[in-house]
Amino acid sequence: MGAVVSCIEAIFGAIGRCLMAIVNGIGAILQAIISGVVTVFDVIISCVTCGAAGGRRRRRHHGTTTRATI
Protein backbone atom coordinates (compact mmCIF):
# COMPACT_ATOMS: atom_id res chain seq x y z
CA MET A 1 0.00 0.00 0.00
CA GLY A 2 2.94 2.33 0.66
CA ALA A 3 4.10 2.02 -2.93
CA VAL A 4 0.71 3.23 -4.21
CA VAL A 5 0.79 6.28 -1.94
CA SER A 6 4.37 7.01 -3.02
CA CYS A 7 3.37 6.75 -6.68
CA ILE A 8 0.42 9.10 -6.19
CA GLU A 9 2.66 11.60 -4.36
CA ALA A 10 5.15 11.45 -7.24
CA ILE A 11 2.37 12.08 -9.77
CA PHE A 12 1.08 15.10 -7.86
CA GLY A 13 4.65 16.39 -7.46
CA ALA A 14 5.23 16.09 -11.21
CA ILE A 15 1.95 17.90 -11.94
CA GLY A 16 2.92 20.67 -9.51
CA ARG A 17 6.34 21.10 -11.11
CA CYS A 18 4.75 21.20 -14.55
CA LEU A 19 2.30 23.90 -13.47
CA MET A 20 5.09 25.94 -11.89
CA ALA A 21 7.14 25.68 -15.09
CA ILE A 22 4.15 26.97 -17.07
CA VAL A 23 3.66 29.88 -14.65
CA ASN A 24 7.39 30.73 -14.77
CA GLY A 25 7.28 30.64 -18.58
CA ILE A 26 4.31 33.00 -18.69
CA GLY A 27 6.08 35.31 -16.25
CA ALA A 28 9.23 35.36 -18.40
CA ILE A 29 7.19 36.13 -21.52
CA LEU A 30 5.36 38.99 -19.79
CA GLN A 31 8.64 40.36 -18.46
CA ALA A 32 10.15 40.33 -21.95
CA ILE A 33 7.10 42.09 -23.42
CA ILE A 34 7.11 44.78 -20.73
CA SER A 35 10.86 45.29 -21.12
CA GLY A 36 10.39 45.71 -24.87
CA VAL A 37 7.62 48.28 -24.41
CA VAL A 38 9.76 50.23 -21.94
CA THR A 39 12.67 50.20 -24.38
CA VAL A 40 10.45 51.51 -27.19
CA PHE A 41 9.18 54.34 -24.99
CA ASP A 42 12.77 55.10 -23.96
CA VAL A 43 13.79 55.44 -27.60
CA ILE A 44 10.76 57.61 -28.42
CA ILE A 45 11.39 59.92 -25.46
CA SER A 46 15.08 60.10 -26.31
CA CYS A 47 14.24 61.11 -29.90
CA VAL A 48 11.65 63.70 -28.88
CA THR A 49 13.94 65.32 -26.32
CA CYS A 50 17.09 65.03 -28.48
CA GLY A 51 18.67 62.75 -25.91
CA ALA A 52 18.42 65.32 -23.10
CA ALA A 53 16.20 63.11 -20.94
CA GLY A 54 16.90 59.71 -19.53
CA GLY A 55 19.97 58.02 -18.17
CA ARG A 56 22.01 58.19 -21.37
CA ARG A 57 23.13 61.76 -21.18
CA ARG A 58 26.13 62.84 -23.16
CA ARG A 59 28.75 64.17 -20.84
CA ARG A 60 31.44 66.49 -22.06
CA HIS A 61 34.89 66.09 -20.66
CA HIS A 62 36.35 69.41 -19.60
CA GLY A 63 39.95 68.86 -18.72
CA THR A 64 43.42 69.70 -19.72
CA THR A 65 45.09 67.84 -22.48
CA THR A 66 48.77 67.21 -22.39
CA ARG A 67 51.05 66.72 -25.33
CA ALA A 68 53.70 64.13 -25.30
CA THR A 69 57.08 65.62 -26.06
CA ILE A 70 59.48 63.58 -28.07
PDB file of N, CA and C in Angstrom:
ATOM      1  N   MET A   1       0.825  -1.200   0.000  1.00  0.00           N
ATOM      2  CA  MET A   1       0.000   0.000   0.000  1.00  0.00           C
ATOM      3  C   MET A   1       0.861   1.252   0.000  1.00  0.00           C
ATOM      4  N   GLY A   2       2.047   1.178   0.611  1.00  0.00           N
ATOM      5  CA  GLY A   2       2.941   2.334   0.663  1.00  0.00           C
ATOM      6  C   GLY A   2       3.447   2.727  -0.709  1.00  0.00           C
ATOM      7  N   ALA A   3       3.611   1.733  -1.585  1.00  0.00           N
ATOM      8  CA  ALA A   3       4.097   2.022  -2.931  1.00  0.00           C
ATOM      9  C   ALA A   3       3.062   2.813  -3.727  1.00  0.00           C
ATOM     10  N   VAL A   4       1.783   2.520  -3.501  1.00  0.00           N
ATOM     11  CA  VAL A   4       0.712   3.228  -4.210  1.00  0.00           C
ATOM     12  C   VAL A   4       0.678   4.689  -3.773  1.00  0.00           C
ATOM     13  N   VAL A   5       0.797   4.921  -2.467  1.00  0.00           N
ATOM     14  CA  VAL A   5       0.794   6.284  -1.944  1.00  0.00           C
ATOM     15  C   VAL A   5       2.011   7.046  -2.483  1.00  0.00           C
ATOM     16  N   SER A   6       3.158   6.384  -2.509  1.00  0.00           N
ATOM     17  CA  SER A   6       4.370   7.006  -3.024  1.00  0.00           C
ATOM     18  C   SER A   6       4.218   7.358  -4.501  1.00  0.00           C
ATOM     19  N   CYS A   7       3.586   6.492  -5.254  1.00  0.00           N
ATOM     20  CA  CYS A   7       3.370   6.750  -6.679  1.00  0.00           C
ATOM     21  C   CYS A   7       2.423   7.930  -6.880  1.00  0.00           C
ATOM     22  N   ILE A   8       1.373   7.998  -6.084  1.00  0.00           N
ATOM     23  CA  ILE A   8       0.416   9.103  -6.187  1.00  0.00           C
ATOM     24  C   ILE A   8       1.094  10.426  -5.808  1.00  0.00           C
ATOM     25  N   GLU A   9       1.935  10.402  -4.755  1.00  0.00           N
ATOM     26  CA  GLU A   9       2.659  11.604  -4.364  1.00  0.00           C
ATOM     27  C   GLU A   9       3.600  12.059  -5.481  1.00  0.00           C
ATOM     28  N   ALA A  10       4.245  11.111  -6.138  1.00  0.00           N
ATOM     29  CA  ALA A  10       5.146  11.453  -7.239  1.00  0.00           C
ATOM     30  C   ALA A  10       4.376  12.066  -8.411  1.00  0.00           C
ATOM     31  N   ILE A  11       3.195  11.540  -8.682  1.00  0.00           N
ATOM     32  CA  ILE A  11       2.367  12.081  -9.769  1.00  0.00           C
ATOM     33  C   ILE A  11       1.956  13.509  -9.461  1.00  0.00           C
ATOM     34  N   PHE A  12       1.480  13.749  -8.237  1.00  0.00           N
ATOM     35  CA  PHE A  12       1.083  15.104  -7.863  1.00  0.00           C
ATOM     36  C   PHE A  12       2.284  16.062  -7.852  1.00  0.00           C
ATOM     37  N   GLY A  13       3.444  15.563  -7.433  1.00  0.00           N
ATOM     38  CA  GLY A  13       4.655  16.390  -7.460  1.00  0.00           C
ATOM     39  C   GLY A  13       5.028  16.779  -8.888  1.00  0.00           C
ATOM     40  N   ALA A  14       4.916  15.810  -9.807  1.00  0.00           N
ATOM     41  CA  ALA A  14       5.225  16.093 -11.209  1.00  0.00           C
ATOM     42  C   ALA A  14       4.232  17.094 -11.797  1.00  0.00           C
ATOM     43  N   ILE A  15       2.962  16.955 -11.454  1.00  0.00           N
ATOM     44  CA  ILE A  15       1.950  17.903 -11.938  1.00  0.00           C
ATOM     45  C   ILE A  15       2.229  19.304 -11.391  1.00  0.00           C
ATOM     46  N   GLY A  16       2.602  19.375 -10.118  1.00  0.00           N
ATOM     47  CA  GLY A  16       2.917  20.671  -9.511  1.00  0.00           C
ATOM     48  C   GLY A  16       4.116  21.328 -10.166  1.00  0.00           C
ATOM     49  N   ARG A  17       5.165  20.537 -10.440  1.00  0.00           N
ATOM     50  CA  ARG A  17       6.338  21.098 -11.107  1.00  0.00           C
ATOM     51  C   ARG A  17       6.008  21.554 -12.522  1.00  0.00           C
ATOM     52  N   CYS A  18       5.163  20.823 -13.200  1.00  0.00           N
ATOM     53  CA  CYS A  18       4.752  21.205 -14.552  1.00  0.00           C
ATOM     54  C   CYS A  18       3.979  22.523 -14.527  1.00  0.00           C
ATOM     55  N   LEU A  19       3.071  22.659 -13.585  1.00  0.00           N
ATOM     56  CA  LEU A  19       2.301  23.904 -13.472  1.00  0.00           C
ATOM     57  C   LEU A  19       3.209  25.082 -13.130  1.00  0.00           C
ATOM     58  N   MET A  20       4.173  24.858 -12.240  1.00  0.00           N
ATOM     59  CA  MET A  20       5.090  25.938 -11.893  1.00  0.00           C
ATOM     60  C   MET A  20       5.969  26.324 -13.075  1.00  0.00           C
ATOM     61  N   ALA A  21       6.360  25.369 -13.892  1.00  0.00           N
ATOM     62  CA  ALA A  21       7.139  25.681 -15.089  1.00  0.00           C
ATOM     63  C   ALA A  21       6.318  26.522 -16.065  1.00  0.00           C
ATOM     64  N   ILE A  22       5.033  26.199 -16.188  1.00  0.00           N
ATOM     65  CA  ILE A  22       4.153  26.973 -17.068  1.00  0.00           C
ATOM     66  C   ILE A  22       4.015  28.402 -16.545  1.00  0.00           C
ATOM     67  N   VAL A  23       3.804  28.543 -15.244  1.00  0.00           N
ATOM     68  CA  VAL A  23       3.664  29.876 -14.645  1.00  0.00           C
ATOM     69  C   VAL A  23       4.952  30.673 -14.818  1.00  0.00           C
ATOM     70  N   ASN A  24       6.113  30.031 -14.595  1.00  0.00           N
ATOM     71  CA  ASN A  24       7.389  30.728 -14.768  1.00  0.00           C
ATOM     72  C   ASN A  24       7.594  31.135 -16.224  1.00  0.00           C
ATOM     73  N   GLY A  25       7.178  30.296 -17.164  1.00  0.00           N
ATOM     74  CA  GLY A  25       7.280  30.638 -18.580  1.00  0.00           C
ATOM     75  C   GLY A  25       6.424  31.830 -18.944  1.00  0.00           C
ATOM     76  N   ILE A  26       5.206  31.855 -18.437  1.00  0.00           N
ATOM     77  CA  ILE A  26       4.307  32.996 -18.687  1.00  0.00           C
ATOM     78  C   ILE A  26       4.893  34.264 -18.085  1.00  0.00           C
ATOM     79  N   GLY A  27       5.453  34.151 -16.883  1.00  0.00           N
ATOM     80  CA  GLY A  27       6.082  35.310 -16.246  1.00  0.00           C
ATOM     81  C   GLY A  27       7.262  35.834 -17.052  1.00  0.00           C
ATOM     82  N   ALA A  28       8.074  34.931 -17.592  1.00  0.00           N
ATOM     83  CA  ALA A  28       9.226  35.356 -18.402  1.00  0.00           C
ATOM     84  C   ALA A  28       8.770  36.034 -19.685  1.00  0.00           C
ATOM     85  N   ILE A  29       7.716  35.509 -20.295  1.00  0.00           N
ATOM     86  CA  ILE A  29       7.187  36.127 -21.519  1.00  0.00           C
ATOM     87  C   ILE A  29       6.652  37.525 -21.224  1.00  0.00           C
ATOM     88  N   LEU A  30       5.890  37.672 -20.148  1.00  0.00           N
ATOM     89  CA  LEU A  30       5.357  38.989 -19.791  1.00  0.00           C
ATOM     90  C   LEU A  30       6.481  39.971 -19.472  1.00  0.00           C
ATOM     91  N   GLN A  31       7.513  39.493 -18.779  1.00  0.00           N
ATOM     92  CA  GLN A  31       8.640  40.363 -18.455  1.00  0.00           C
ATOM     93  C   GLN A  31       9.344  40.825 -19.721  1.00  0.00           C
ATOM     94  N   ALA A  32       9.503  39.948 -20.689  1.00  0.00           N
ATOM     95  CA  ALA A  32      10.148  40.329 -21.949  1.00  0.00           C
ATOM     96  C   ALA A  32       9.303  41.344 -22.716  1.00  0.00           C
ATOM     97  N   ILE A  33       7.991  41.150 -22.724  1.00  0.00           N
ATOM     98  CA  ILE A  33       7.104  42.088 -23.424  1.00  0.00           C
ATOM     99  C   ILE A  33       7.155  43.460 -22.770  1.00  0.00           C
ATOM    100  N   ILE A  34       7.085  43.505 -21.449  1.00  0.00           N
ATOM    101  CA  ILE A  34       7.111  44.784 -20.729  1.00  0.00           C
ATOM    102  C   ILE A  34       8.458  45.467 -20.937  1.00  0.00           C
ATOM    103  N   SER A  35       9.538  44.707 -20.899  1.00  0.00           N
ATOM    104  CA  SER A  35      10.857  45.288 -21.124  1.00  0.00           C
ATOM    105  C   SER A  35      10.958  45.875 -22.534  1.00  0.00           C
ATOM    106  N   GLY A  36      10.388  45.197 -23.510  1.00  0.00           N
ATOM    107  CA  GLY A  36      10.392  45.714 -24.874  1.00  0.00           C
ATOM    108  C   GLY A  36       9.605  46.994 -25.005  1.00  0.00           C
ATOM    109  N   VAL A  37       8.450  47.068 -24.361  1.00  0.00           N
ATOM    110  CA  VAL A  37       7.624  48.276 -24.408  1.00  0.00           C
ATOM    111  C   VAL A  37       8.361  49.443 -23.751  1.00  0.00           C
ATOM    112  N   VAL A  38       9.008  49.178 -22.620  1.00  0.00           N
ATOM    113  CA  VAL A  38       9.763  50.231 -21.936  1.00  0.00           C
ATOM    114  C   VAL A  38      10.909  50.721 -22.815  1.00  0.00           C
ATOM    115  N   THR A  39      11.578  49.814 -23.496  1.00  0.00           N
ATOM    116  CA  THR A  39      12.669  50.201 -24.384  1.00  0.00           C
ATOM    117  C   THR A  39      12.169  51.064 -25.532  1.00  0.00           C
ATOM    118  N   VAL A  40      11.019  50.706 -26.104  1.00  0.00           N
ATOM    119  CA  VAL A  40      10.452  51.507 -27.192  1.00  0.00           C
ATOM    120  C   VAL A  40      10.118  52.911 -26.705  1.00  0.00           C
ATOM    121  N   PHE A  41       9.496  53.016 -25.529  1.00  0.00           N
ATOM    122  CA  PHE A  41       9.185  54.344 -24.992  1.00  0.00           C
ATOM    123  C   PHE A  41      10.459  55.124 -24.693  1.00  0.00           C
ATOM    124  N   ASP A  42      11.494  54.442 -24.226  1.00  0.00           N
ATOM    125  CA  ASP A  42      12.767  55.103 -23.959  1.00  0.00           C
ATOM    126  C   ASP A  42      13.348  55.685 -25.236  1.00  0.00           C
ATOM    127  N   VAL A  43      13.277  54.941 -26.316  1.00  0.00           N
ATOM    128  CA  VAL A  43      13.790  55.438 -27.602  1.00  0.00           C
ATOM    129  C   VAL A  43      12.958  56.615 -28.089  1.00  0.00           C
ATOM    130  N   ILE A  44      11.634  56.521 -27.975  1.00  0.00           N
ATOM    131  CA  ILE A  44      10.761  57.611 -28.424  1.00  0.00           C
ATOM    132  C   ILE A  44      11.031  58.881 -27.622  1.00  0.00           C
ATOM    133  N   ILE A  45      11.133  58.744 -26.301  1.00  0.00           N
ATOM    134  CA  ILE A  45      11.386  59.917 -25.456  1.00  0.00           C
ATOM    135  C   ILE A  45      12.761  60.489 -25.758  1.00  0.00           C
ATOM    136  N   SER A  46      13.743  59.628 -25.990  1.00  0.00           N
ATOM    137  CA  SER A  46      15.081  60.102 -26.312  1.00  0.00           C
ATOM    138  C   SER A  46      15.083  60.866 -27.633  1.00  0.00           C
ATOM    139  N   CYS A  47      14.319  60.405 -28.613  1.00  0.00           N
ATOM    140  CA  CYS A  47      14.242  61.110 -29.900  1.00  0.00           C
ATOM    141  C   CYS A  47      13.532  62.448 -29.764  1.00  0.00           C
ATOM    142  N   VAL A  48      12.433  62.471 -29.023  1.00  0.00           N
ATOM    143  CA  VAL A  48      11.655  63.699 -28.882  1.00  0.00           C
ATOM    144  C   VAL A  48      12.445  64.763 -28.129  1.00  0.00           C
ATOM    145  N   THR A  49      13.209  64.348 -27.131  1.00  0.00           N
ATOM    146  CA  THR A  49      13.944  65.317 -26.317  1.00  0.00           C
ATOM    147  C   THR A  49      15.391  65.469 -26.771  1.00  0.00           C
ATOM    148  N   CYS A  50      15.733  64.949 -27.931  1.00  0.00           N
ATOM    149  CA  CYS A  50      17.089  65.025 -28.485  1.00  0.00           C
ATOM    150  C   CYS A  50      18.125  64.439 -27.543  1.00  0.00           C
ATOM    151  N   GLY A  51      17.745  63.436 -26.805  1.00  0.00           N
ATOM    152  CA  GLY A  51      18.672  62.754 -25.911  1.00  0.00           C
ATOM    153  C   GLY A  51      18.925  63.472 -24.605  1.00  0.00           C
ATOM    154  N   ALA A  52      18.180  64.555 -24.323  1.00  0.00           N
ATOM    155  CA  ALA A  52      18.416  65.317 -23.101  1.00  0.00           C
ATOM    156  C   ALA A  52      17.808  64.651 -21.877  1.00  0.00           C
ATOM    157  N   ALA A  53      16.839  63.772 -22.071  1.00  0.00           N
ATOM    158  CA  ALA A  53      16.197  63.109 -20.942  1.00  0.00           C
ATOM    159  C   ALA A  53      16.694  61.679 -20.849  1.00  0.00           C
ATOM    160  N   GLY A  54      16.531  61.113 -19.692  1.00  0.00           N
ATOM    161  CA  GLY A  54      16.897  59.714 -19.526  1.00  0.00           C
ATOM    162  C   GLY A  54      18.282  59.553 -18.953  1.00  0.00           C
ATOM    163  N   GLY A  55      18.695  58.309 -18.803  1.00  0.00           N
ATOM    164  CA  GLY A  55      19.965  58.022 -18.173  1.00  0.00           C
ATOM    165  C   GLY A  55      21.143  58.043 -19.110  1.00  0.00           C
ATOM    166  N   ARG A  56      20.922  58.242 -20.398  1.00  0.00           N
ATOM    167  CA  ARG A  56      22.012  58.190 -21.370  1.00  0.00           C
ATOM    168  C   ARG A  56      22.416  59.592 -21.803  1.00  0.00           C
ATOM    169  N   ARG A  57      22.748  60.397 -20.858  1.00  0.00           N
ATOM    170  CA  ARG A  57      23.134  61.763 -21.177  1.00  0.00           C
ATOM    171  C   ARG A  57      24.558  61.781 -21.689  1.00  0.00           C
ATOM    172  N   ARG A  58      24.774  62.667 -22.637  1.00  0.00           N
ATOM    173  CA  ARG A  58      26.126  62.838 -23.156  1.00  0.00           C
ATOM    174  C   ARG A  58      26.869  63.794 -22.241  1.00  0.00           C
ATOM    175  N   ARG A  59      27.967  63.329 -21.736  1.00  0.00           N
ATOM    176  CA  ARG A  59      28.746  64.172 -20.837  1.00  0.00           C
ATOM    177  C   ARG A  59      29.991  64.645 -21.566  1.00  0.00           C
ATOM    178  N   ARG A  60      30.248  65.923 -21.443  1.00  0.00           N
ATOM    179  CA  ARG A  60      31.438  66.486 -22.062  1.00  0.00           C
ATOM    180  C   ARG A  60      32.569  66.468 -21.052  1.00  0.00           C
ATOM    181  N   HIS A  61      33.718  66.138 -21.525  1.00  0.00           N
ATOM    182  CA  HIS A  61      34.891  66.090 -20.660  1.00  0.00           C
ATOM    183  C   HIS A  61      35.628  67.418 -20.753  1.00  0.00           C
ATOM    184  N   HIS A  62      35.651  68.136 -19.650  1.00  0.00           N
ATOM    185  CA  HIS A  62      36.353  69.414 -19.603  1.00  0.00           C
ATOM    186  C   HIS A  62      37.607  69.203 -18.775  1.00  0.00           C
ATOM    187  N   GLY A  63      38.690  69.041 -19.428  1.00  0.00           N
ATOM    188  CA  GLY A  63      39.951  68.858 -18.716  1.00  0.00           C
ATOM    189  C   GLY A  63      41.094  69.370 -19.545  1.00  0.00           C
ATOM    190  N   THR A  64      42.248  69.256 -18.990  1.00  0.00           N
ATOM    191  CA  THR A  64      43.422  69.705 -19.717  1.00  0.00           C
ATOM    192  C   THR A  64      43.986  68.544 -20.510  1.00  0.00           C
ATOM    193  N   THR A  65      44.437  68.859 -21.673  1.00  0.00           N
ATOM    194  CA  THR A  65      45.088  67.838 -22.478  1.00  0.00           C
ATOM    195  C   THR A  65      46.573  68.099 -22.472  1.00  0.00           C
ATOM    196  N   THR A  66      47.309  67.066 -22.399  1.00  0.00           N
ATOM    197  CA  THR A  66      48.766  67.206 -22.388  1.00  0.00           C
ATOM    198  C   THR A  66      49.320  66.606 -23.661  1.00  0.00           C
ATOM    199  N   ARG A  67      50.382  67.231 -24.150  1.00  0.00           N
ATOM    200  CA  ARG A  67      51.046  66.723 -25.329  1.00  0.00           C
ATOM    201  C   ARG A  67      52.298  65.973 -24.918  1.00  0.00           C
ATOM    202  N   ALA A  68      52.492  64.880 -25.569  1.00  0.00           N
ATOM    203  CA  ALA A  68      53.705  64.126 -25.300  1.00  0.00           C
ATOM    204  C   ALA A  68      54.853  64.748 -26.076  1.00  0.00           C
ATOM    205  N   THR A  69      55.918  65.055 -25.384  1.00  0.00           N
ATOM    206  CA  THR A  69      57.079  65.625 -26.056  1.00  0.00           C
ATOM    207  C   THR A  69      58.049  64.532 -26.399  1.00  0.00           C
ATOM    208  N   ILE A  70      58.563  64.627 -27.603  1.00  0.00           N
ATOM    209  CA  ILE A  70      59.478  63.581 -28.069  1.00  0.00           C
ATOM    210  C   ILE A  70      60.888  64.115 -28.151  1.00  0.00           C
TER     211      ILE A  70
END
